[in-house]
N, C-alpha and C. Protein backbone atom coordinates (compact mmCIF):
# COMPACT_ATOMS: atom_id res chain seq x y z
N MET A 1 0.83 -1.21 0.00
CA MET A 1 0.00 0.00 0.00
C MET A 1 0.85 1.25 0.00
N ILE A 2 1.93 1.23 0.77
CA ILE A 2 2.79 2.41 0.84
C ILE A 2 3.49 2.65 -0.48
N ILE A 3 3.94 1.52 -1.09
CA ILE A 3 4.63 1.67 -2.38
C ILE A 3 3.67 2.21 -3.42
N GLY A 4 2.47 1.74 -3.38
CA GLY A 4 1.48 2.22 -4.36
C GLY A 4 1.19 3.69 -4.19
N ASP A 5 1.10 4.15 -2.94
CA ASP A 5 0.85 5.57 -2.71
C ASP A 5 1.98 6.42 -3.20
N ASP A 6 3.24 5.99 -2.99
CA ASP A 6 4.38 6.76 -3.45
C ASP A 6 4.39 6.85 -4.96
N THR A 7 4.06 5.79 -5.63
CA THR A 7 4.03 5.81 -7.09
C THR A 7 2.97 6.75 -7.60
N HIS A 8 1.84 6.76 -6.93
CA HIS A 8 0.75 7.65 -7.35
C HIS A 8 1.14 9.12 -7.17
N ASP A 9 1.82 9.42 -6.04
CA ASP A 9 2.24 10.81 -5.79
C ASP A 9 3.27 11.25 -6.81
N ASP A 10 4.22 10.35 -7.14
CA ASP A 10 5.23 10.72 -8.14
C ASP A 10 4.59 11.01 -9.48
N GLY A 11 3.55 10.27 -9.80
CA GLY A 11 2.87 10.50 -11.07
C GLY A 11 2.21 11.85 -11.10
N LEU A 12 1.64 12.26 -9.95
CA LEU A 12 1.02 13.57 -9.90
C LEU A 12 2.03 14.68 -10.07
N VAL A 13 3.21 14.55 -9.43
CA VAL A 13 4.25 15.57 -9.56
C VAL A 13 4.75 15.66 -10.99
N ALA A 14 4.97 14.49 -11.61
CA ALA A 14 5.46 14.47 -12.99
C ALA A 14 4.44 15.06 -13.94
N ALA A 15 3.17 14.84 -13.66
CA ALA A 15 2.13 15.35 -14.55
C ALA A 15 1.95 16.84 -14.39
N SER A 16 2.20 17.35 -13.17
CA SER A 16 1.97 18.78 -12.94
C SER A 16 3.10 19.63 -13.48
N THR A 17 4.28 19.08 -13.67
CA THR A 17 5.42 19.87 -14.12
C THR A 17 5.24 20.45 -15.51
N PRO A 18 4.89 19.65 -16.55
CA PRO A 18 4.71 20.24 -17.86
C PRO A 18 3.56 21.21 -17.93
N VAL A 19 2.53 21.01 -17.09
CA VAL A 19 1.40 21.93 -17.10
C VAL A 19 1.84 23.32 -16.68
N SER A 20 2.66 23.41 -15.60
CA SER A 20 3.14 24.71 -15.14
C SER A 20 4.05 25.34 -16.17
N SER A 21 4.86 24.52 -16.85
CA SER A 21 5.74 25.05 -17.89
C SER A 21 4.92 25.62 -19.04
N ASN A 22 3.83 24.90 -19.40
CA ASN A 22 3.00 25.41 -20.48
C ASN A 22 2.32 26.72 -20.09
N LEU A 23 1.92 26.82 -18.82
CA LEU A 23 1.29 28.07 -18.37
C LEU A 23 2.27 29.22 -18.43
N GLU A 24 3.52 28.97 -18.01
CA GLU A 24 4.52 30.03 -18.07
C GLU A 24 4.79 30.43 -19.52
N GLY A 25 4.87 29.43 -20.41
CA GLY A 25 5.10 29.75 -21.81
C GLY A 25 3.95 30.53 -22.41
N ASP A 26 2.71 30.16 -22.05
CA ASP A 26 1.56 30.89 -22.57
C ASP A 26 1.55 32.32 -22.08
N SER A 27 1.92 32.55 -20.80
CA SER A 27 1.93 33.92 -20.27
C SER A 27 3.00 34.76 -20.96
N MET A 28 4.16 34.14 -21.24
CA MET A 28 5.22 34.87 -21.95
C MET A 28 4.79 35.21 -23.36
N ASN A 29 4.14 34.26 -24.05
CA ASN A 29 3.67 34.53 -25.40
C ASN A 29 2.58 35.60 -25.40
N GLN A 30 1.70 35.55 -24.41
CA GLN A 30 0.64 36.55 -24.33
C GLN A 30 1.23 37.94 -24.09
N SER A 31 2.24 38.04 -23.22
CA SER A 31 2.89 39.32 -22.97
C SER A 31 3.59 39.84 -24.22
N SER A 32 4.25 38.94 -24.94
CA SER A 32 4.93 39.35 -26.17
C SER A 32 3.93 39.80 -27.22
N LEU A 33 2.81 39.10 -27.32
CA LEU A 33 1.79 39.49 -28.30
C LEU A 33 1.18 40.84 -27.97
N GLU A 34 0.94 41.09 -26.69
CA GLU A 34 0.38 42.38 -26.30
C GLU A 34 1.34 43.53 -26.60
N MET A 35 2.64 43.31 -26.30
CA MET A 35 3.62 44.34 -26.59
C MET A 35 3.75 44.55 -28.09
N MET A 36 3.76 43.46 -28.86
CA MET A 36 3.87 43.58 -30.30
C MET A 36 2.66 44.29 -30.89
N GLU A 37 1.48 44.00 -30.37
CA GLU A 37 0.28 44.68 -30.84
C GLU A 37 0.34 46.17 -30.55
N SER A 38 0.86 46.53 -29.37
CA SER A 38 0.99 47.95 -29.03
C SER A 38 1.97 48.65 -29.97
N ILE A 39 3.08 48.00 -30.27
CA ILE A 39 4.08 48.59 -31.17
C ILE A 39 3.50 48.79 -32.56
N ILE A 40 2.79 47.79 -33.06
CA ILE A 40 2.24 47.87 -34.42
C ILE A 40 1.15 48.93 -34.50
N GLN A 41 0.31 49.04 -33.47
CA GLN A 41 -0.73 50.05 -33.48
C GLN A 41 -0.16 51.46 -33.44
N ARG A 42 0.96 51.63 -32.74
CA ARG A 42 1.55 52.96 -32.61
C ARG A 42 2.34 53.36 -33.86
N LEU A 43 3.13 52.44 -34.41
CA LEU A 43 3.99 52.76 -35.55
C LEU A 43 3.33 52.47 -36.89
N GLU A 44 2.28 51.65 -36.91
CA GLU A 44 1.45 51.39 -38.09
C GLU A 44 2.23 50.89 -39.30
N PRO A 45 3.00 49.81 -39.19
CA PRO A 45 3.56 49.20 -40.40
C PRO A 45 2.48 48.45 -41.16
N GLN A 46 2.62 48.35 -42.49
CA GLN A 46 1.60 47.71 -43.31
C GLN A 46 1.86 46.23 -43.51
N ASN A 47 3.15 45.84 -43.57
CA ASN A 47 3.50 44.45 -43.77
C ASN A 47 4.94 44.25 -43.30
N ARG A 48 5.47 43.03 -43.51
CA ARG A 48 6.82 42.74 -43.06
C ARG A 48 7.85 43.57 -43.80
N HIS A 49 7.63 43.78 -45.09
CA HIS A 49 8.58 44.60 -45.85
C HIS A 49 8.57 46.04 -45.37
N ASP A 50 7.40 46.52 -44.99
CA ASP A 50 7.31 47.87 -44.45
C ASP A 50 8.06 47.98 -43.12
N ILE A 51 8.01 46.93 -42.31
CA ILE A 51 8.77 46.93 -41.06
C ILE A 51 10.26 47.06 -41.34
N ARG A 52 10.76 46.32 -42.32
CA ARG A 52 12.18 46.40 -42.67
C ARG A 52 12.57 47.80 -43.13
N ASP A 53 11.72 48.43 -43.95
CA ASP A 53 12.02 49.79 -44.41
C ASP A 53 11.97 50.79 -43.27
N MET A 54 11.02 50.60 -42.34
CA MET A 54 10.93 51.51 -41.21
C MET A 54 12.12 51.37 -40.28
N ILE A 55 12.64 50.16 -40.12
CA ILE A 55 13.86 49.97 -39.33
C ILE A 55 15.01 50.74 -39.94
N PHE A 56 15.16 50.64 -41.24
CA PHE A 56 16.25 51.34 -41.93
C PHE A 56 16.09 52.86 -41.82
N GLN A 57 14.89 53.36 -42.05
CA GLN A 57 14.67 54.80 -42.03
C GLN A 57 14.89 55.38 -40.64
N ARG A 58 14.37 54.73 -39.63
CA ARG A 58 14.52 55.24 -38.27
C ARG A 58 15.96 55.13 -37.79
N GLY A 59 16.65 54.07 -38.14
CA GLY A 59 18.05 53.97 -37.79
C GLY A 59 18.89 55.04 -38.46
N ARG A 60 18.59 55.32 -39.72
CA ARG A 60 19.33 56.36 -40.44
C ARG A 60 19.07 57.74 -39.84
N ILE A 61 17.81 58.05 -39.54
CA ILE A 61 17.49 59.36 -38.95
C ILE A 61 18.14 59.49 -37.58
N SER A 62 18.12 58.41 -36.80
CA SER A 62 18.73 58.45 -35.47
C SER A 62 20.22 58.75 -35.56
N GLY A 63 20.92 58.08 -36.46
CA GLY A 63 22.35 58.34 -36.63
C GLY A 63 22.63 59.75 -37.10
N ALA A 64 21.80 60.26 -38.02
CA ALA A 64 21.99 61.63 -38.53
C ALA A 64 21.82 62.65 -37.42
N MET A 65 20.80 62.48 -36.59
CA MET A 65 20.58 63.43 -35.50
C MET A 65 21.67 63.33 -34.44
N LEU A 66 22.18 62.14 -34.22
CA LEU A 66 23.25 61.99 -33.24
C LEU A 66 24.52 62.71 -33.68
N ILE A 67 24.90 62.56 -34.94
CA ILE A 67 26.12 63.23 -35.41
C ILE A 67 25.89 64.73 -35.51
N MET A 68 24.65 65.17 -35.78
CA MET A 68 24.35 66.60 -35.76
C MET A 68 24.55 67.17 -34.37
N ALA A 69 24.11 66.45 -33.34
CA ALA A 69 24.29 66.91 -31.96
C ALA A 69 25.76 66.99 -31.60
N VAL A 70 26.53 65.98 -32.02
CA VAL A 70 27.97 65.99 -31.72
C VAL A 70 28.66 67.15 -32.40
N LEU A 71 28.34 67.39 -33.67
CA LEU A 71 28.96 68.50 -34.40
C LEU A 71 28.55 69.85 -33.82
N LEU A 72 27.27 69.98 -33.44
CA LEU A 72 26.82 71.23 -32.85
C LEU A 72 27.55 71.50 -31.54
N TRP A 73 27.70 70.47 -30.71
CA TRP A 73 28.41 70.65 -29.46
C TRP A 73 29.87 71.02 -29.71
N TRP A 74 30.50 70.39 -30.66
CA TRP A 74 31.91 70.65 -30.94
C TRP A 74 32.13 72.07 -31.47
N ILE A 75 31.21 72.55 -32.33
CA ILE A 75 31.37 73.87 -32.92
C ILE A 75 30.99 74.98 -31.94
N SER A 76 29.85 74.80 -31.25
CA SER A 76 29.31 75.90 -30.44
C SER A 76 29.80 75.90 -29.00
N VAL A 77 30.28 74.78 -28.50
CA VAL A 77 30.72 74.72 -27.11
C VAL A 77 32.22 74.52 -27.02
N GLU A 78 32.72 73.50 -27.68
CA GLU A 78 34.14 73.19 -27.58
C GLU A 78 35.00 74.25 -28.25
N LYS A 79 34.59 74.72 -29.44
CA LYS A 79 35.39 75.68 -30.20
C LYS A 79 34.90 77.12 -30.09
N GLY A 80 33.62 77.32 -29.86
CA GLY A 80 33.07 78.68 -29.88
C GLY A 80 32.67 79.23 -28.55
N SER A 81 33.14 78.65 -27.46
CA SER A 81 32.71 79.09 -26.14
C SER A 81 33.17 80.52 -25.83
N GLU A 82 34.38 80.87 -26.25
CA GLU A 82 34.89 82.22 -25.96
C GLU A 82 34.13 83.28 -26.73
N ARG A 83 33.88 83.04 -28.00
CA ARG A 83 33.17 84.04 -28.82
C ARG A 83 31.71 84.18 -28.41
N LEU A 84 31.13 83.13 -27.84
CA LEU A 84 29.73 83.19 -27.41
C LEU A 84 29.58 83.63 -25.96
N GLY A 85 30.67 83.92 -25.29
CA GLY A 85 30.62 84.45 -23.94
C GLY A 85 30.19 83.45 -22.88
N ASP A 86 30.63 82.20 -23.02
CA ASP A 86 30.25 81.20 -22.03
C ASP A 86 30.88 81.45 -20.66
N SER A 87 31.98 82.20 -20.65
CA SER A 87 32.62 82.48 -19.36
C SER A 87 31.78 83.41 -18.49
N LEU A 88 30.84 84.15 -19.11
CA LEU A 88 29.96 85.04 -18.35
C LEU A 88 28.75 84.32 -17.75
N ILE A 89 28.52 83.09 -18.18
CA ILE A 89 27.37 82.34 -17.68
C ILE A 89 27.71 81.80 -16.29
N PRO A 90 26.92 82.15 -15.27
CA PRO A 90 27.24 81.66 -13.91
C PRO A 90 27.01 80.17 -13.80
N VAL A 91 27.65 79.57 -12.81
CA VAL A 91 27.49 78.13 -12.59
C VAL A 91 26.06 77.84 -12.15
N SER A 92 25.64 76.61 -12.36
CA SER A 92 24.28 76.22 -12.04
C SER A 92 24.07 76.23 -10.52
N GLN A 93 22.87 76.68 -10.12
CA GLN A 93 22.52 76.69 -8.71
C GLN A 93 22.29 75.27 -8.17
N MET A 94 22.01 74.34 -9.04
CA MET A 94 21.80 72.95 -8.64
C MET A 94 22.96 72.10 -9.16
N GLY A 95 23.89 71.83 -8.30
CA GLY A 95 25.03 71.00 -8.67
C GLY A 95 26.31 71.78 -8.91
N GLY A 96 26.21 73.09 -9.12
CA GLY A 96 27.40 73.89 -9.35
C GLY A 96 28.12 73.56 -10.65
N PHE A 97 27.36 73.19 -11.69
CA PHE A 97 27.96 72.82 -12.97
C PHE A 97 28.22 74.06 -13.81
N GLU A 98 29.34 74.06 -14.52
CA GLU A 98 29.60 75.10 -15.51
C GLU A 98 28.86 74.77 -16.80
N PHE A 99 28.82 75.78 -17.70
CA PHE A 99 28.04 75.57 -18.92
C PHE A 99 28.62 74.45 -19.77
N SER A 100 29.92 74.32 -19.82
CA SER A 100 30.52 73.25 -20.62
C SER A 100 30.11 71.88 -20.09
N GLU A 101 29.93 71.77 -18.79
CA GLU A 101 29.46 70.51 -18.22
C GLU A 101 27.96 70.32 -18.48
N LEU A 102 27.19 71.40 -18.39
CA LEU A 102 25.76 71.30 -18.67
C LEU A 102 25.49 70.93 -20.12
N SER A 103 26.37 71.33 -21.02
CA SER A 103 26.17 71.01 -22.43
C SER A 103 26.28 69.51 -22.68
N ILE A 104 26.83 68.77 -21.75
CA ILE A 104 26.88 67.31 -21.83
C ILE A 104 25.81 66.68 -20.94
N ILE A 105 25.57 67.29 -19.78
CA ILE A 105 24.60 66.73 -18.82
C ILE A 105 23.18 66.82 -19.36
N VAL A 106 22.80 67.97 -19.92
CA VAL A 106 21.43 68.15 -20.39
C VAL A 106 21.08 67.20 -21.54
N PRO A 107 21.91 67.06 -22.58
CA PRO A 107 21.60 66.04 -23.60
C PRO A 107 21.56 64.63 -23.03
N GLY A 108 22.44 64.36 -22.04
CA GLY A 108 22.40 63.05 -21.40
C GLY A 108 21.08 62.82 -20.67
N ILE A 109 20.58 63.86 -20.01
CA ILE A 109 19.28 63.75 -19.34
C ILE A 109 18.18 63.50 -20.36
N ALA A 110 18.24 64.21 -21.51
CA ALA A 110 17.23 64.01 -22.55
C ALA A 110 17.27 62.59 -23.09
N LEU A 111 18.47 62.07 -23.29
CA LEU A 111 18.62 60.68 -23.77
C LEU A 111 18.03 59.69 -22.76
N LEU A 112 18.40 59.86 -21.49
CA LEU A 112 17.93 58.93 -20.46
C LEU A 112 16.43 59.04 -20.26
N ALA A 113 15.91 60.28 -20.26
CA ALA A 113 14.47 60.47 -20.08
C ALA A 113 13.68 59.83 -21.21
N THR A 114 14.15 59.99 -22.44
CA THR A 114 13.45 59.39 -23.59
C THR A 114 13.48 57.88 -23.51
N LEU A 115 14.62 57.32 -23.14
CA LEU A 115 14.74 55.88 -23.04
C LEU A 115 13.84 55.32 -21.94
N VAL A 116 13.88 55.94 -20.76
CA VAL A 116 13.05 55.48 -19.65
C VAL A 116 11.57 55.65 -19.97
N MET A 117 11.21 56.76 -20.62
CA MET A 117 9.82 57.00 -20.99
C MET A 117 9.33 55.97 -21.99
N SER A 118 10.17 55.63 -22.97
CA SER A 118 9.77 54.66 -23.99
C SER A 118 9.59 53.27 -23.38
N ILE A 119 10.51 52.88 -22.52
CA ILE A 119 10.40 51.57 -21.88
C ILE A 119 9.17 51.52 -20.97
N GLY A 120 8.94 52.59 -20.21
CA GLY A 120 7.77 52.63 -19.35
C GLY A 120 6.47 52.59 -20.12
N ARG A 121 6.44 53.21 -21.28
CA ARG A 121 5.22 53.19 -22.10
C ARG A 121 4.95 51.80 -22.66
N GLU A 122 5.98 51.14 -23.17
CA GLU A 122 5.79 49.82 -23.76
C GLU A 122 5.45 48.77 -22.72
N GLN A 123 6.01 48.89 -21.53
CA GLN A 123 5.76 47.91 -20.48
C GLN A 123 4.59 48.30 -19.58
N GLY A 124 4.07 49.52 -19.73
CA GLY A 124 3.01 49.98 -18.85
C GLY A 124 3.46 50.11 -17.42
N ASN A 125 4.70 50.61 -17.23
CA ASN A 125 5.32 50.70 -15.91
C ASN A 125 5.17 52.12 -15.39
N ALA A 126 4.43 52.28 -14.30
CA ALA A 126 4.17 53.61 -13.74
C ALA A 126 5.43 54.20 -13.11
N ILE A 127 6.26 53.36 -12.50
CA ILE A 127 7.47 53.86 -11.84
C ILE A 127 8.42 54.47 -12.86
N LEU A 128 8.64 53.77 -13.97
CA LEU A 128 9.52 54.30 -15.01
C LEU A 128 8.96 55.58 -15.61
N SER A 129 7.66 55.64 -15.81
CA SER A 129 7.05 56.87 -16.32
C SER A 129 7.23 58.02 -15.35
N ASN A 130 7.14 57.73 -14.04
CA ASN A 130 7.35 58.76 -13.03
C ASN A 130 8.78 59.27 -13.07
N ILE A 131 9.74 58.37 -13.19
CA ILE A 131 11.15 58.76 -13.28
C ILE A 131 11.39 59.60 -14.52
N ALA A 132 10.76 59.23 -15.63
CA ALA A 132 10.92 60.00 -16.86
C ALA A 132 10.41 61.43 -16.69
N GLY A 133 9.27 61.58 -16.00
CA GLY A 133 8.76 62.93 -15.75
C GLY A 133 9.70 63.76 -14.90
N ILE A 134 10.32 63.13 -13.91
CA ILE A 134 11.30 63.85 -13.07
C ILE A 134 12.49 64.31 -13.90
N LEU A 135 12.97 63.44 -14.78
CA LEU A 135 14.13 63.79 -15.63
C LEU A 135 13.78 64.91 -16.60
N VAL A 136 12.57 64.90 -17.12
CA VAL A 136 12.15 65.97 -18.05
C VAL A 136 12.16 67.32 -17.34
N ILE A 137 11.60 67.39 -16.14
CA ILE A 137 11.58 68.65 -15.40
C ILE A 137 12.99 69.10 -15.03
N LEU A 138 13.84 68.14 -14.67
CA LEU A 138 15.22 68.48 -14.33
C LEU A 138 15.95 69.07 -15.53
N GLY A 139 15.77 68.45 -16.70
CA GLY A 139 16.39 68.99 -17.91
C GLY A 139 15.85 70.36 -18.27
N ALA A 140 14.53 70.56 -18.12
CA ALA A 140 13.94 71.87 -18.40
C ALA A 140 14.48 72.93 -17.45
N PHE A 141 14.73 72.56 -16.20
CA PHE A 141 15.29 73.52 -15.24
C PHE A 141 16.66 74.00 -15.69
N TYR A 142 17.53 73.09 -16.10
CA TYR A 142 18.86 73.49 -16.54
C TYR A 142 18.81 74.33 -17.81
N ILE A 143 17.85 74.04 -18.69
CA ILE A 143 17.74 74.80 -19.93
C ILE A 143 17.27 76.22 -19.66
N LEU A 144 16.33 76.40 -18.76
CA LEU A 144 15.76 77.74 -18.49
C LEU A 144 16.51 78.48 -17.39
N GLU A 145 17.46 77.84 -16.75
CA GLU A 145 18.17 78.48 -15.65
C GLU A 145 18.90 79.76 -16.05
N PRO A 146 19.51 79.87 -17.24
CA PRO A 146 20.15 81.15 -17.61
C PRO A 146 19.20 82.34 -17.56
N PHE A 147 17.95 82.16 -17.96
CA PHE A 147 16.99 83.26 -17.88
C PHE A 147 16.64 83.57 -16.42
N GLY A 148 16.61 82.53 -15.58
CA GLY A 148 16.38 82.78 -14.17
C GLY A 148 17.52 83.55 -13.53
N ASN A 149 18.75 83.21 -13.89
CA ASN A 149 19.90 83.96 -13.38
C ASN A 149 19.88 85.40 -13.86
N LEU A 150 19.45 85.58 -15.12
CA LEU A 150 19.36 86.93 -15.66
C LEU A 150 18.29 87.75 -14.94
N ALA A 151 17.15 87.11 -14.65
CA ALA A 151 16.08 87.82 -13.95
C ALA A 151 16.47 88.16 -12.52
N LEU A 152 17.25 87.31 -11.89
CA LEU A 152 17.68 87.56 -10.51
C LEU A 152 18.98 88.37 -10.44
N ASN A 153 19.49 88.75 -11.62
CA ASN A 153 20.70 89.57 -11.70
C ASN A 153 21.89 88.86 -11.04
N ILE A 154 22.04 87.58 -11.38
CA ILE A 154 23.15 86.79 -10.87
C ILE A 154 24.26 86.78 -11.91
N GLY A 155 25.43 87.27 -11.55
CA GLY A 155 26.55 87.31 -12.48
C GLY A 155 26.47 88.49 -13.41
N ASP A 156 27.37 88.50 -14.39
CA ASP A 156 27.46 89.60 -15.36
C ASP A 156 26.86 89.21 -16.71
N MET A 157 25.98 88.24 -16.72
CA MET A 157 25.41 87.74 -17.97
C MET A 157 24.41 88.73 -18.54
N GLU A 158 24.37 88.81 -19.88
CA GLU A 158 23.42 89.64 -20.59
C GLU A 158 22.36 88.76 -21.25
N LEU A 159 21.35 89.43 -21.83
CA LEU A 159 20.26 88.71 -22.47
C LEU A 159 20.76 87.83 -23.61
N GLN A 160 21.72 88.35 -24.37
CA GLN A 160 22.25 87.59 -25.49
C GLN A 160 22.92 86.29 -25.02
N ASN A 161 23.62 86.36 -23.91
CA ASN A 161 24.26 85.16 -23.36
C ASN A 161 23.23 84.14 -22.90
N ALA A 162 22.15 84.63 -22.28
CA ALA A 162 21.10 83.72 -21.82
C ALA A 162 20.41 83.03 -22.99
N ILE A 163 20.12 83.79 -24.04
CA ILE A 163 19.49 83.20 -25.23
C ILE A 163 20.41 82.19 -25.88
N SER A 164 21.68 82.52 -25.97
CA SER A 164 22.65 81.60 -26.58
C SER A 164 22.78 80.31 -25.78
N ALA A 165 22.86 80.44 -24.46
CA ALA A 165 23.03 79.25 -23.61
C ALA A 165 21.79 78.36 -23.66
N SER A 166 20.62 78.95 -23.43
CA SER A 166 19.39 78.15 -23.44
C SER A 166 19.10 77.58 -24.81
N GLY A 167 19.38 78.34 -25.85
CA GLY A 167 19.14 77.86 -27.21
C GLY A 167 20.00 76.65 -27.55
N ARG A 168 21.28 76.71 -27.21
CA ARG A 168 22.15 75.57 -27.50
C ARG A 168 21.76 74.34 -26.69
N LEU A 169 21.43 74.53 -25.42
CA LEU A 169 21.00 73.40 -24.61
C LEU A 169 19.70 72.80 -25.14
N SER A 170 18.79 73.67 -25.58
CA SER A 170 17.51 73.17 -26.10
C SER A 170 17.72 72.35 -27.37
N VAL A 171 18.53 72.85 -28.29
CA VAL A 171 18.75 72.14 -29.55
C VAL A 171 19.45 70.80 -29.29
N LEU A 172 20.44 70.80 -28.42
CA LEU A 172 21.14 69.56 -28.10
C LEU A 172 20.18 68.54 -27.47
N ALA A 173 19.33 69.01 -26.56
CA ALA A 173 18.38 68.11 -25.91
C ALA A 173 17.36 67.55 -26.90
N VAL A 174 16.87 68.40 -27.80
CA VAL A 174 15.90 67.95 -28.80
C VAL A 174 16.52 66.93 -29.75
N LEU A 175 17.74 67.19 -30.20
CA LEU A 175 18.41 66.25 -31.09
C LEU A 175 18.63 64.90 -30.43
N LEU A 176 19.06 64.91 -29.17
CA LEU A 176 19.26 63.64 -28.46
C LEU A 176 17.95 62.94 -28.18
N HIS A 177 16.90 63.72 -27.93
CA HIS A 177 15.58 63.11 -27.69
C HIS A 177 15.10 62.35 -28.91
N PHE A 178 15.12 63.00 -30.06
CA PHE A 178 14.61 62.34 -31.27
C PHE A 178 15.55 61.24 -31.75
N SER A 179 16.85 61.43 -31.56
CA SER A 179 17.79 60.37 -31.93
C SER A 179 17.52 59.11 -31.11
N THR A 180 17.31 59.28 -29.81
CA THR A 180 17.02 58.13 -28.96
C THR A 180 15.66 57.53 -29.29
N LYS A 181 14.68 58.38 -29.56
CA LYS A 181 13.33 57.89 -29.87
C LYS A 181 13.32 57.05 -31.15
N PHE A 182 13.94 57.56 -32.21
CA PHE A 182 13.96 56.83 -33.47
C PHE A 182 14.76 55.54 -33.35
N PHE A 183 15.86 55.58 -32.60
CA PHE A 183 16.67 54.38 -32.44
C PHE A 183 15.91 53.32 -31.64
N PHE A 184 15.20 53.74 -30.59
CA PHE A 184 14.44 52.79 -29.79
C PHE A 184 13.29 52.19 -30.61
N ASP A 185 12.64 53.02 -31.42
CA ASP A 185 11.59 52.50 -32.30
C ASP A 185 12.16 51.49 -33.29
N ALA A 186 13.35 51.77 -33.81
CA ALA A 186 13.98 50.82 -34.73
C ALA A 186 14.28 49.50 -34.04
N LEU A 187 14.72 49.56 -32.79
CA LEU A 187 14.97 48.33 -32.03
C LEU A 187 13.68 47.55 -31.79
N LEU A 188 12.60 48.27 -31.46
CA LEU A 188 11.33 47.59 -31.25
C LEU A 188 10.83 46.93 -32.53
N LEU A 189 10.94 47.64 -33.65
CA LEU A 189 10.52 47.05 -34.93
C LEU A 189 11.38 45.86 -35.30
N GLN A 190 12.66 45.94 -35.01
CA GLN A 190 13.54 44.81 -35.27
C GLN A 190 13.15 43.61 -34.42
N TRP A 191 12.77 43.87 -33.16
CA TRP A 191 12.31 42.78 -32.30
C TRP A 191 11.02 42.17 -32.85
N VAL A 192 10.09 43.01 -33.31
CA VAL A 192 8.84 42.51 -33.88
C VAL A 192 9.11 41.65 -35.11
N ARG A 193 9.98 42.12 -35.97
CA ARG A 193 10.30 41.37 -37.20
C ARG A 193 10.96 40.03 -36.86
N THR A 194 11.89 40.04 -35.91
CA THR A 194 12.54 38.80 -35.50
C THR A 194 11.55 37.84 -34.88
N TRP A 195 10.63 38.35 -34.06
CA TRP A 195 9.64 37.51 -33.41
C TRP A 195 8.70 36.88 -34.43
N LEU A 196 8.30 37.67 -35.42
CA LEU A 196 7.41 37.13 -36.45
C LEU A 196 8.09 36.06 -37.28
N LEU A 197 9.35 36.28 -37.62
CA LEU A 197 10.07 35.30 -38.43
C LEU A 197 10.35 34.02 -37.65
N SER A 198 10.73 34.16 -36.39
CA SER A 198 11.08 32.97 -35.61
C SER A 198 9.86 32.14 -35.24
N ASN A 199 8.70 32.78 -35.09
CA ASN A 199 7.49 32.06 -34.73
C ASN A 199 6.60 31.75 -35.93
N ASP A 200 7.03 32.18 -37.11
CA ASP A 200 6.28 31.92 -38.35
C ASP A 200 4.83 32.39 -38.22
N VAL A 201 4.69 33.64 -37.79
CA VAL A 201 3.38 34.23 -37.60
C VAL A 201 3.23 35.41 -38.53
N ASP A 202 2.08 35.52 -39.17
CA ASP A 202 1.80 36.64 -40.06
C ASP A 202 0.55 37.35 -39.54
N ILE A 203 0.74 38.51 -38.94
CA ILE A 203 -0.38 39.24 -38.35
C ILE A 203 -0.98 40.25 -39.31
N PHE A 204 -0.38 40.37 -40.50
CA PHE A 204 -0.88 41.33 -41.49
C PHE A 204 -1.80 40.61 -42.46
N PRO A 205 -2.88 41.26 -42.87
CA PRO A 205 -3.79 40.62 -43.82
C PRO A 205 -3.13 40.45 -45.18
N SER A 206 -3.42 39.34 -45.81
CA SER A 206 -2.84 39.06 -47.12
C SER A 206 -3.45 39.97 -48.17
N GLN A 207 -2.58 40.49 -49.06
CA GLN A 207 -3.08 41.37 -50.11
C GLN A 207 -3.93 40.61 -51.11
N ASN A 208 -3.55 39.36 -51.38
CA ASN A 208 -4.33 38.57 -52.31
C ASN A 208 -5.73 38.32 -51.78
N THR A 209 -5.81 38.07 -50.46
CA THR A 209 -7.12 37.86 -49.86
C THR A 209 -7.97 39.11 -49.93
N THR A 210 -7.32 40.25 -49.70
CA THR A 210 -8.05 41.51 -49.75
C THR A 210 -8.57 41.80 -51.16
N LEU A 211 -7.71 41.55 -52.16
CA LEU A 211 -8.13 41.78 -53.53
C LEU A 211 -9.25 40.83 -53.93
N TYR A 212 -9.13 39.57 -53.49
CA TYR A 212 -10.16 38.59 -53.82
C TYR A 212 -11.50 38.98 -53.23
N GLU A 213 -11.46 39.42 -51.96
CA GLU A 213 -12.69 39.82 -51.33
C GLU A 213 -13.28 41.05 -52.00
N GLY A 214 -12.40 41.96 -52.47
CA GLY A 214 -12.89 43.15 -53.14
C GLY A 214 -13.58 42.82 -54.45
N HIS A 215 -12.97 41.91 -55.24
CA HIS A 215 -13.61 41.51 -56.49
C HIS A 215 -14.89 40.74 -56.25
N ALA A 216 -14.91 39.96 -55.17
CA ALA A 216 -16.12 39.20 -54.87
C ALA A 216 -17.27 40.13 -54.53
N ASP A 217 -16.96 41.23 -53.86
CA ASP A 217 -18.02 42.18 -53.51
C ASP A 217 -18.55 42.90 -54.74
N GLU A 218 -17.69 43.08 -55.76
CA GLU A 218 -18.09 43.84 -56.93
C GLU A 218 -18.92 43.00 -57.90
N GLU A 219 -18.86 41.63 -57.80
CA GLU A 219 -19.60 40.80 -58.73
C GLU A 219 -21.10 40.96 -58.50
N SER A 220 -21.80 40.98 -59.60
CA SER A 220 -23.25 41.11 -59.51
C SER A 220 -23.87 39.75 -59.23
N PRO A 221 -24.94 39.69 -58.48
CA PRO A 221 -25.58 38.41 -58.19
C PRO A 221 -26.16 37.77 -59.43
N LEU A 222 -26.14 36.43 -59.45
CA LEU A 222 -26.70 35.70 -60.58
C LEU A 222 -28.20 35.81 -60.61
N ALA A 223 -28.73 36.01 -61.81
CA ALA A 223 -30.18 36.15 -61.95
C ALA A 223 -30.84 34.78 -61.92
C-alpha cells in the first residue's frame, strides 16, 4: 500500500510539471503578443517589408541626428565658447555645474528620459514613467536656468548670453531626444520582425485575400 501511494504521488508531480511550464510559456507569449500589438498600433507598419524599411529609415534618422548633436556641441561649445561668452554664464545653482558641463549633462538627461519614458510606455510601468517625468523637469530647469539667473541679476550675464546658452542646450536636448526615440523605435521594430520570423506568424492581412474579397463584392448576383 505504501509503495502504491508513493508511485501515485510521483505521477502527480510528474504530470503537474509540464502543465506549469505550459502556463509560463503561454503567459510569456501573451505578454509578447500584447507588446507587439501595441508597437504595431503605434507605428502602423503595413507588412513585413514595411517593417524592414521603417527599421532602416529610423536607424538612419537616429544616426543623422546623433552626429548633428555631436557637431553642434563641438562647434558651439568646444570651439566657440569664448566668442559666445560662455565664461559670463554663472554656474548652475543645482550642482554647481559650468556651462561646458551642462552642455553634456542636459543632452544626457534628454537621452535617459526618452529611453526610460519609452520603456515605461511599452511595459506599462508607472514607476519608469514617473522617473521620466522627473528627468524631463530636471532637464527643463537646466535649460531655463540662464533666464532665471538673468532675472535675478546673478553674475554679469546679458540677455544675449542667456538666449545663446538656453538655445544651444535646447537644440542639443531635442536632437538627443529624437535620436534616442527613433533608435528605440527601430529596435522595437527589429524585435517585432525577428519575433514574427522565428514564430512563423503573419499578423498582417494578405493582399491577395483583400483583392479577392474586393472583387467578390463587386460581382453582380446571378439572376
